[in-house]
All heavy atoms as atom14 arrays in JSON, in Angstrom:
{
  "sequence": "SYGVDGVTIKDFEDSLNERLKMIKMKLKAGNYHFNKLRLHL",
  "atom14_mask": [
    [1, 1, 1, 1, 1, 1, 0, 0, 0, 0, 0, 0, 0, 0],
    [1, 1, 1, 1, 1, 1, 1, 1, 1, 1, 1, 1, 0, 0],
    [1, 1, 1, 1, 0, 0, 0, 0, 0, 0, 0, 0, 0, 0],
    [1, 1, 1, 1, 1, 1, 1, 0, 0, 0, 0, 0, 0, 0],
    [1, 1, 1, 1, 1, 1, 1, 1, 0, 0, 0, 0, 0, 0],
    [1, 1, 1, 1, 0, 0, 0, 0, 0, 0, 0, 0, 0, 0],
    [1, 1, 1, 1, 1, 1, 1, 0, 0, 0, 0, 0, 0, 0],
    [1, 1, 1, 1, 1, 1, 1, 0, 0, 0, 0, 0, 0, 0],
    [1, 1, 1, 1, 1, 1, 1, 1, 0, 0, 0, 0, 0, 0],
    [1, 1, 1, 1, 1, 1, 1, 1, 1, 0, 0, 0, 0, 0],
    [1, 1, 1, 1, 1, 1, 1, 1, 0, 0, 0, 0, 0, 0],
    [1, 1, 1, 1, 1, 1, 1, 1, 1, 1, 1, 0, 0, 0],
    [1, 1, 1, 1, 1, 1, 1, 1, 1, 0, 0, 0, 0, 0],
    [1, 1, 1, 1, 1, 1, 1, 1, 0, 0, 0, 0, 0, 0],
    [1, 1, 1, 1, 1, 1, 0, 0, 0, 0, 0, 0, 0, 0],
    [1, 1, 1, 1, 1, 1, 1, 1, 0, 0, 0, 0, 0, 0],
    [1, 1, 1, 1, 1, 1, 1, 1, 0, 0, 0, 0, 0, 0],
    [1, 1, 1, 1, 1, 1, 1, 1, 1, 0, 0, 0, 0, 0],
    [1, 1, 1, 1, 1, 1, 1, 1, 1, 1, 1, 0, 0, 0],
    [1, 1, 1, 1, 1, 1, 1, 1, 0, 0, 0, 0, 0, 0],
    [1, 1, 1, 1, 1, 1, 1, 1, 1, 0, 0, 0, 0, 0],
    [1, 1, 1, 1, 1, 1, 1, 1, 0, 0, 0, 0, 0, 0],
    [1, 1, 1, 1, 1, 1, 1, 1, 0, 0, 0, 0, 0, 0],
    [1, 1, 1, 1, 1, 1, 1, 1, 1, 0, 0, 0, 0, 0],
    [1, 1, 1, 1, 1, 1, 1, 1, 0, 0, 0, 0, 0, 0],
    [1, 1, 1, 1, 1, 1, 1, 1, 1, 0, 0, 0, 0, 0],
    [1, 1, 1, 1, 1, 1, 1, 1, 0, 0, 0, 0, 0, 0],
    [1, 1, 1, 1, 1, 1, 1, 1, 1, 0, 0, 0, 0, 0],
    [1, 1, 1, 1, 1, 0, 0, 0, 0, 0, 0, 0, 0, 0],
    [1, 1, 1, 1, 0, 0, 0, 0, 0, 0, 0, 0, 0, 0],
    [1, 1, 1, 1, 1, 1, 1, 1, 0, 0, 0, 0, 0, 0],
    [1, 1, 1, 1, 1, 1, 1, 1, 1, 1, 1, 1, 0, 0],
    [1, 1, 1, 1, 1, 1, 1, 1, 1, 1, 0, 0, 0, 0],
    [1, 1, 1, 1, 1, 1, 1, 1, 1, 1, 1, 0, 0, 0],
    [1, 1, 1, 1, 1, 1, 1, 1, 0, 0, 0, 0, 0, 0],
    [1, 1, 1, 1, 1, 1, 1, 1, 1, 0, 0, 0, 0, 0],
    [1, 1, 1, 1, 1, 1, 1, 1, 0, 0, 0, 0, 0, 0],
    [1, 1, 1, 1, 1, 1, 1, 1, 1, 1, 1, 0, 0, 0],
    [1, 1, 1, 1, 1, 1, 1, 1, 0, 0, 0, 0, 0, 0],
    [1, 1, 1, 1, 1, 1, 1, 1, 1, 1, 0, 0, 0, 0],
    [1, 1, 1, 1, 1, 1, 1, 1, 0, 0, 0, 0, 0, 0]
  ],
  "atom14_positions": [
    [[103.0, 96.02, 105.01], [103.71, 96.74, 103.95], [105.04, 97.29, 104.44], [105.23, 97.55, 105.63], [102.83, 97.87, 103.41], [102.56, 98.81, 104.42], [0.0, 0.0, 0.0], [0.0, 0.0, 0.0], [0.0, 0.0, 0.0], [0.0, 0.0, 0.0], [0.0, 0.0, 0.0], [0.0, 0.0, 0.0], [0.0, 0.0, 0.0], [0.0, 0.0, 0.0]],
    [[105.95, 97.48, 103.52], [107.27, 98.02, 103.81], [107.75, 98.82, 102.61], [107.21, 98.7, 101.52], [108.26, 96.89, 104.13], [108.36, 95.87, 103.01], [109.3, 96.02, 102.0], [107.5, 94.78, 102.96], [109.37, 95.11, 100.96], [107.57, 93.86, 101.92], [108.5, 94.03, 100.93], [108.57, 93.14, 99.89], [0.0, 0.0, 0.0], [0.0, 0.0, 0.0]],
    [[108.77, 99.65, 102.82], [109.27, 100.5, 101.76], [110.52, 99.95, 101.1], [110.87, 98.78, 101.26], [0.0, 0.0, 0.0], [0.0, 0.0, 0.0], [0.0, 0.0, 0.0], [0.0, 0.0, 0.0], [0.0, 0.0, 0.0], [0.0, 0.0, 0.0], [0.0, 0.0, 0.0], [0.0, 0.0, 0.0], [0.0, 0.0, 0.0], [0.0, 0.0, 0.0]],
    [[111.24, 100.81, 100.36], [112.42, 100.36, 99.61], [113.56, 99.93, 100.51], [114.42, 99.15, 100.1], [112.92, 101.48, 98.66], [111.92, 101.76, 97.56], [113.27, 102.75, 99.42], [0.0, 0.0, 0.0], [0.0, 0.0, 0.0], [0.0, 0.0, 0.0], [0.0, 0.0, 0.0], [0.0, 0.0, 0.0], [0.0, 0.0, 0.0], [0.0, 0.0, 0.0]],
    [[113.55, 100.42, 101.76], [114.64, 100.04, 102.68], [114.43, 98.65, 103.29], [115.31, 98.13, 103.97], [114.8, 101.08, 103.79], [113.52, 101.31, 104.59], [112.52, 100.6, 104.35], [113.51, 102.22, 105.45], [0.0, 0.0, 0.0], [0.0, 0.0, 0.0], [0.0, 0.0, 0.0], [0.0, 0.0, 0.0], [0.0, 0.0, 0.0], [0.0, 0.0, 0.0]],
    [[113.27, 98.04, 103.05], [113.0, 96.69, 103.54], [112.64, 96.6, 105.01], [112.39, 95.52, 105.53], [0.0, 0.0, 0.0], [0.0, 0.0, 0.0], [0.0, 0.0, 0.0], [0.0, 0.0, 0.0], [0.0, 0.0, 0.0], [0.0, 0.0, 0.0], [0.0, 0.0, 0.0], [0.0, 0.0, 0.0], [0.0, 0.0, 0.0], [0.0, 0.0, 0.0]],
    [[112.61, 97.75, 105.69], [112.3, 97.76, 107.12], [110.81, 97.52, 107.33], [109.97, 98.25, 106.8], [112.72, 99.11, 107.77], [112.29, 99.15, 109.23], [114.22, 99.31, 107.64], [0.0, 0.0, 0.0], [0.0, 0.0, 0.0], [0.0, 0.0, 0.0], [0.0, 0.0, 0.0], [0.0, 0.0, 0.0], [0.0, 0.0, 0.0], [0.0, 0.0, 0.0]],
    [[110.48, 96.48, 108.1], [109.08, 96.15, 108.38], [108.62, 96.84, 109.67], [109.43, 97.42, 110.4], [108.91, 94.64, 108.55], [109.64, 94.21, 109.71], [109.41, 93.88, 107.33], [0.0, 0.0, 0.0], [0.0, 0.0, 0.0], [0.0, 0.0, 0.0], [0.0, 0.0, 0.0], [0.0, 0.0, 0.0], [0.0, 0.0, 0.0], [0.0, 0.0, 0.0]],
    [[107.33, 96.74, 109.93], [106.78, 97.29, 111.17], [107.47, 96.65, 112.38], [107.83, 97.34, 113.34], [105.25, 97.04, 111.25], [104.51, 97.94, 110.26], [104.72, 97.25, 112.66], [104.45, 99.4, 110.64], [0.0, 0.0, 0.0], [0.0, 0.0, 0.0], [0.0, 0.0, 0.0], [0.0, 0.0, 0.0], [0.0, 0.0, 0.0], [0.0, 0.0, 0.0]],
    [[107.69, 95.34, 112.32], [108.34, 94.64, 113.43], [109.77, 95.13, 113.62], [110.23, 95.37, 114.74], [108.33, 93.13, 113.19], [108.88, 92.32, 114.36], [108.89, 90.84, 114.07], [109.43, 90.06, 115.27], [110.78, 90.5, 115.7], [0.0, 0.0, 0.0], [0.0, 0.0, 0.0], [0.0, 0.0, 0.0], [0.0, 0.0, 0.0], [0.0, 0.0, 0.0]],
    [[110.5, 95.28, 112.5], [111.88, 95.78, 112.57], [111.9, 97.16, 113.23], [112.75, 97.43, 114.09], [112.49, 95.91, 111.16], [112.63, 94.58, 110.46], [112.75, 93.56, 111.15], [112.6, 94.57, 109.21], [0.0, 0.0, 0.0], [0.0, 0.0, 0.0], [0.0, 0.0, 0.0], [0.0, 0.0, 0.0], [0.0, 0.0, 0.0], [0.0, 0.0, 0.0]],
    [[110.99, 98.01, 112.81], [110.95, 99.37, 113.33], [110.63, 99.37, 114.82], [111.24, 100.1, 115.6], [109.91, 100.2, 112.56], [110.09, 101.68, 112.68], [110.82, 102.39, 111.74], [109.56, 102.38, 113.76], [111.0, 103.76, 111.85], [109.73, 103.74, 113.89], [110.45, 104.44, 112.94], [0.0, 0.0, 0.0], [0.0, 0.0, 0.0], [0.0, 0.0, 0.0]],
    [[109.69, 98.52, 115.19], [109.25, 98.48, 116.6], [110.35, 97.97, 117.52], [110.41, 98.34, 118.7], [108.0, 97.62, 116.72], [107.27, 97.77, 118.04], [105.86, 97.26, 117.99], [105.57, 96.36, 117.16], [105.03, 97.75, 118.76], [0.0, 0.0, 0.0], [0.0, 0.0, 0.0], [0.0, 0.0, 0.0], [0.0, 0.0, 0.0], [0.0, 0.0, 0.0]],
    [[111.22, 97.11, 117.0], [112.3, 96.53, 117.82], [113.25, 97.61, 118.35], [113.9, 97.43, 119.38], [113.09, 95.49, 117.01], [112.3, 94.2, 116.83], [111.32, 93.99, 117.59], [112.65, 93.41, 115.93], [0.0, 0.0, 0.0], [0.0, 0.0, 0.0], [0.0, 0.0, 0.0], [0.0, 0.0, 0.0], [0.0, 0.0, 0.0], [0.0, 0.0, 0.0]],
    [[113.38, 98.71, 117.61], [114.23, 99.82, 118.08], [113.44, 101.14, 117.94], [113.96, 102.11, 117.4], [115.52, 99.87, 117.28], [115.27, 99.9, 115.9], [0.0, 0.0, 0.0], [0.0, 0.0, 0.0], [0.0, 0.0, 0.0], [0.0, 0.0, 0.0], [0.0, 0.0, 0.0], [0.0, 0.0, 0.0], [0.0, 0.0, 0.0], [0.0, 0.0, 0.0]],
    [[112.21, 101.12, 118.4], [111.27, 102.22, 118.19], [111.79, 103.56, 118.69], [111.83, 104.55, 117.95], [109.93, 101.89, 118.85], [108.85, 102.97, 118.77], [108.47, 103.22, 117.31], [107.62, 102.56, 119.57], [0.0, 0.0, 0.0], [0.0, 0.0, 0.0], [0.0, 0.0, 0.0], [0.0, 0.0, 0.0], [0.0, 0.0, 0.0], [0.0, 0.0, 0.0]],
    [[112.17, 103.62, 119.96], [112.56, 104.91, 120.55], [113.77, 105.52, 119.85], [113.8, 106.73, 119.59], [112.86, 104.73, 122.05], [111.59, 104.46, 122.84], [110.51, 104.9, 122.46], [111.72, 103.72, 123.94], [0.0, 0.0, 0.0], [0.0, 0.0, 0.0], [0.0, 0.0, 0.0], [0.0, 0.0, 0.0], [0.0, 0.0, 0.0], [0.0, 0.0, 0.0]],
    [[114.76, 104.68, 119.54], [115.95, 105.18, 118.87], [115.61, 105.72, 117.48], [116.11, 106.78, 117.07], [117.0, 104.07, 118.74], [117.62, 103.62, 120.06], [116.75, 102.61, 120.8], [115.63, 102.29, 120.31], [117.17, 102.16, 121.88], [0.0, 0.0, 0.0], [0.0, 0.0, 0.0], [0.0, 0.0, 0.0], [0.0, 0.0, 0.0], [0.0, 0.0, 0.0]],
    [[114.75, 105.0, 116.77], [114.38, 105.42, 115.41], [113.58, 106.73, 115.43], [113.79, 107.61, 114.6], [113.57, 104.32, 114.73], [114.4, 103.09, 114.34], [113.51, 102.04, 113.68], [114.21, 100.8, 113.39], [114.87, 100.54, 112.26], [114.92, 101.46, 111.31], [115.46, 99.38, 112.07], [0.0, 0.0, 0.0], [0.0, 0.0, 0.0], [0.0, 0.0, 0.0]],
    [[112.64, 106.84, 116.37], [111.85, 108.07, 116.46], [112.71, 109.26, 116.84], [112.51, 110.37, 116.33], [110.71, 107.89, 117.48], [109.58, 106.92, 117.09], [108.52, 106.87, 118.19], [108.94, 107.32, 115.76], [0.0, 0.0, 0.0], [0.0, 0.0, 0.0], [0.0, 0.0, 0.0], [0.0, 0.0, 0.0], [0.0, 0.0, 0.0], [0.0, 0.0, 0.0]],
    [[113.67, 109.04, 117.74], [114.58, 110.14, 118.13], [115.43, 110.58, 116.95], [115.72, 111.78, 116.79], [115.46, 109.69, 119.3], [114.71, 109.62, 120.63], [115.6, 109.09, 121.74], [114.83, 108.96, 123.05], [115.65, 108.35, 124.13], [0.0, 0.0, 0.0], [0.0, 0.0, 0.0], [0.0, 0.0, 0.0], [0.0, 0.0, 0.0], [0.0, 0.0, 0.0]],
    [[115.85, 109.63, 116.12], [116.65, 109.96, 114.94], [115.82, 110.78, 113.95], [116.3, 111.77, 113.37], [117.16, 108.68, 114.28], [118.01, 108.91, 113.03], [119.52, 109.86, 113.38], [120.46, 108.64, 114.32], [0.0, 0.0, 0.0], [0.0, 0.0, 0.0], [0.0, 0.0, 0.0], [0.0, 0.0, 0.0], [0.0, 0.0, 0.0], [0.0, 0.0, 0.0]],
    [[114.55, 110.38, 113.75], [113.66, 111.14, 112.86], [113.5, 112.57, 113.38], [113.59, 113.54, 112.63], [112.28, 110.45, 112.76], [112.4, 109.12, 112.03], [111.28, 111.36, 112.03], [111.13, 108.28, 112.05], [0.0, 0.0, 0.0], [0.0, 0.0, 0.0], [0.0, 0.0, 0.0], [0.0, 0.0, 0.0], [0.0, 0.0, 0.0], [0.0, 0.0, 0.0]],
    [[113.27, 112.69, 114.68], [113.1, 114.01, 115.29], [114.34, 114.88, 115.07], [114.23, 116.06, 114.7], [112.83, 113.87, 116.79], [112.75, 115.2, 117.52], [112.6, 115.04, 119.02], [112.61, 116.41, 119.7], [112.42, 116.32, 121.16], [0.0, 0.0, 0.0], [0.0, 0.0, 0.0], [0.0, 0.0, 0.0], [0.0, 0.0, 0.0], [0.0, 0.0, 0.0]],
    [[115.5, 114.3, 115.3], [116.75, 115.04, 115.17], [116.94, 115.55, 113.74], [117.29, 116.72, 113.52], [117.93, 114.14, 115.56], [119.27, 114.84, 115.57], [120.61, 113.73, 116.06], [120.73, 112.69, 114.59], [0.0, 0.0, 0.0], [0.0, 0.0, 0.0], [0.0, 0.0, 0.0], [0.0, 0.0, 0.0], [0.0, 0.0, 0.0], [0.0, 0.0, 0.0]],
    [[116.67, 114.7, 112.76], [116.84, 115.1, 111.36], [115.83, 116.16, 110.95], [116.15, 117.09, 110.22], [116.72, 113.87, 110.46], [117.93, 112.94, 110.53], [117.79, 111.79, 109.53], [119.04, 110.92, 109.54], [118.94, 109.81, 108.56], [0.0, 0.0, 0.0], [0.0, 0.0, 0.0], [0.0, 0.0, 0.0], [0.0, 0.0, 0.0], [0.0, 0.0, 0.0]],
    [[114.58, 116.02, 111.42], [113.56, 117.02, 111.11], [113.93, 118.38, 111.7], [113.82, 119.41, 111.03], [112.2, 116.57, 111.65], [111.49, 115.45, 110.89], [110.29, 114.94, 111.68], [111.04, 115.93, 109.5], [0.0, 0.0, 0.0], [0.0, 0.0, 0.0], [0.0, 0.0, 0.0], [0.0, 0.0, 0.0], [0.0, 0.0, 0.0], [0.0, 0.0, 0.0]],
    [[114.38, 118.38, 112.94], [114.74, 119.63, 113.62], [115.95, 120.29, 112.95], [116.04, 121.52, 112.88], [115.05, 119.36, 115.09], [113.85, 118.88, 115.91], [112.93, 119.99, 116.3], [113.48, 120.81, 117.44], [112.51, 121.86, 117.87], [0.0, 0.0, 0.0], [0.0, 0.0, 0.0], [0.0, 0.0, 0.0], [0.0, 0.0, 0.0], [0.0, 0.0, 0.0]],
    [[116.87, 119.45, 112.46], [118.09, 119.97, 111.83], [117.84, 120.41, 110.38], [118.71, 121.03, 109.76], [119.19, 118.92, 111.88], [0.0, 0.0, 0.0], [0.0, 0.0, 0.0], [0.0, 0.0, 0.0], [0.0, 0.0, 0.0], [0.0, 0.0, 0.0], [0.0, 0.0, 0.0], [0.0, 0.0, 0.0], [0.0, 0.0, 0.0], [0.0, 0.0, 0.0]],
    [[116.67, 120.06, 109.85], [116.34, 120.44, 108.48], [116.99, 119.57, 107.43], [117.07, 119.95, 106.26], [0.0, 0.0, 0.0], [0.0, 0.0, 0.0], [0.0, 0.0, 0.0], [0.0, 0.0, 0.0], [0.0, 0.0, 0.0], [0.0, 0.0, 0.0], [0.0, 0.0, 0.0], [0.0, 0.0, 0.0], [0.0, 0.0, 0.0], [0.0, 0.0, 0.0]],
    [[117.46, 118.37, 107.82], [118.11, 117.49, 106.84], [117.41, 116.13, 106.73], [118.06, 115.12, 106.42], [119.6, 117.31, 107.14], [119.86, 116.71, 108.52], [118.94, 116.26, 109.19], [121.12, 116.7, 108.93], [0.0, 0.0, 0.0], [0.0, 0.0, 0.0], [0.0, 0.0, 0.0], [0.0, 0.0, 0.0], [0.0, 0.0, 0.0], [0.0, 0.0, 0.0]],
    [[116.11, 116.11, 107.0], [115.36, 114.87, 106.77], [114.98, 114.8, 105.3], [114.45, 115.76, 104.73], [114.07, 114.82, 107.62], [113.35, 113.49, 107.5], [113.6, 112.47, 108.4], [112.46, 113.24, 106.46], [112.98, 111.23, 108.27], [111.83, 112.01, 106.32], [112.1, 111.02, 107.23], [111.49, 109.78, 107.1], [0.0, 0.0, 0.0], [0.0, 0.0, 0.0]],
    [[115.24, 113.64, 104.68], [114.88, 113.45, 103.27], [114.14, 112.12, 103.11], [114.47, 111.13, 103.78], [116.12, 113.48, 102.37], [116.82, 114.8, 102.4], [116.31, 115.92, 101.78], [117.99, 115.19, 102.98], [117.12, 116.95, 101.99], [118.14, 116.53, 102.7], [0.0, 0.0, 0.0], [0.0, 0.0, 0.0], [0.0, 0.0, 0.0], [0.0, 0.0, 0.0]],
    [[113.17, 112.11, 102.23], [112.34, 110.92, 102.03], [113.02, 109.92, 101.12], [113.69, 110.29, 100.16], [110.98, 111.32, 101.43], [110.12, 112.12, 102.37], [110.18, 113.51, 102.37], [109.28, 111.49, 103.27], [109.39, 114.26, 103.24], [108.5, 112.23, 104.15], [108.55, 113.62, 104.13], [0.0, 0.0, 0.0], [0.0, 0.0, 0.0], [0.0, 0.0, 0.0]],
    [[112.84, 108.63, 101.44], [113.3, 107.56, 100.56], [112.47, 107.56, 99.27], [111.36, 108.09, 99.24], [113.12, 106.19, 101.24], [114.05, 106.01, 102.42], [115.26, 105.99, 102.26], [113.48, 105.87, 103.6], [0.0, 0.0, 0.0], [0.0, 0.0, 0.0], [0.0, 0.0, 0.0], [0.0, 0.0, 0.0], [0.0, 0.0, 0.0], [0.0, 0.0, 0.0]],
    [[113.02, 106.95, 98.24], [112.22, 106.72, 97.04], [111.08, 105.75, 97.39], [111.09, 105.1, 98.43], [113.09, 106.13, 95.92], [114.11, 107.12, 95.35], [113.41, 108.26, 94.63], [114.4, 109.22, 93.99], [113.72, 110.34, 93.32], [0.0, 0.0, 0.0], [0.0, 0.0, 0.0], [0.0, 0.0, 0.0], [0.0, 0.0, 0.0], [0.0, 0.0, 0.0]],
    [[110.11, 105.65, 96.5], [108.93, 104.83, 96.76], [109.08, 103.44, 96.15], [109.7, 103.27, 95.11], [107.69, 105.51, 96.16], [107.43, 106.95, 96.63], [106.39, 107.62, 95.74], [106.99, 106.97, 98.08], [0.0, 0.0, 0.0], [0.0, 0.0, 0.0], [0.0, 0.0, 0.0], [0.0, 0.0, 0.0], [0.0, 0.0, 0.0], [0.0, 0.0, 0.0]],
    [[108.5, 102.45, 96.85], [108.49, 101.08, 96.32], [107.2, 100.88, 95.54], [106.11, 101.11, 96.05], [108.59, 100.05, 97.44], [108.6, 98.59, 96.96], [108.84, 97.63, 98.1], [107.71, 97.54, 98.99], [106.66, 96.72, 98.82], [106.59, 95.95, 97.74], [105.68, 96.7, 99.71], [0.0, 0.0, 0.0], [0.0, 0.0, 0.0], [0.0, 0.0, 0.0]],
    [[107.33, 100.41, 94.3], [106.15, 100.2, 93.46], [105.56, 98.82, 93.71], [106.26, 97.81, 93.71], [106.54, 100.33, 91.98], [105.4, 100.17, 90.96], [104.4, 101.32, 91.08], [105.96, 100.1, 89.54], [0.0, 0.0, 0.0], [0.0, 0.0, 0.0], [0.0, 0.0, 0.0], [0.0, 0.0, 0.0], [0.0, 0.0, 0.0], [0.0, 0.0, 0.0]],
    [[104.25, 98.78, 93.93], [103.52, 97.52, 94.08], [102.42, 97.5, 93.04], [101.54, 98.35, 93.04], [102.93, 97.41, 95.49], [102.15, 96.15, 95.73], [102.67, 94.91, 95.47], [100.89, 95.94, 96.19], [101.77, 93.98, 95.77], [100.67, 94.59, 96.2], [0.0, 0.0, 0.0], [0.0, 0.0, 0.0], [0.0, 0.0, 0.0], [0.0, 0.0, 0.0]],
    [[102.5, 96.54, 92.12], [101.53, 96.44, 91.03], [100.45, 95.43, 91.39], [100.73, 94.26, 91.64], [102.23, 96.02, 89.73], [103.26, 97.02, 89.18], [104.03, 96.42, 88.02], [102.58, 98.31, 88.73], [0.0, 0.0, 0.0], [0.0, 0.0, 0.0], [0.0, 0.0, 0.0], [0.0, 0.0, 0.0], [0.0, 0.0, 0.0], [0.0, 0.0, 0.0]]
  ]
}
């Protein structure tokens, strides 16, 4: 499964450390925001 940004598990894993550090930075700064949801019928 993947979300509206089209990023797959494999895509995420290819740059895992950088992506996790970015999430951490945004959470700590208080400016992390969730993407909209992808609908699957």
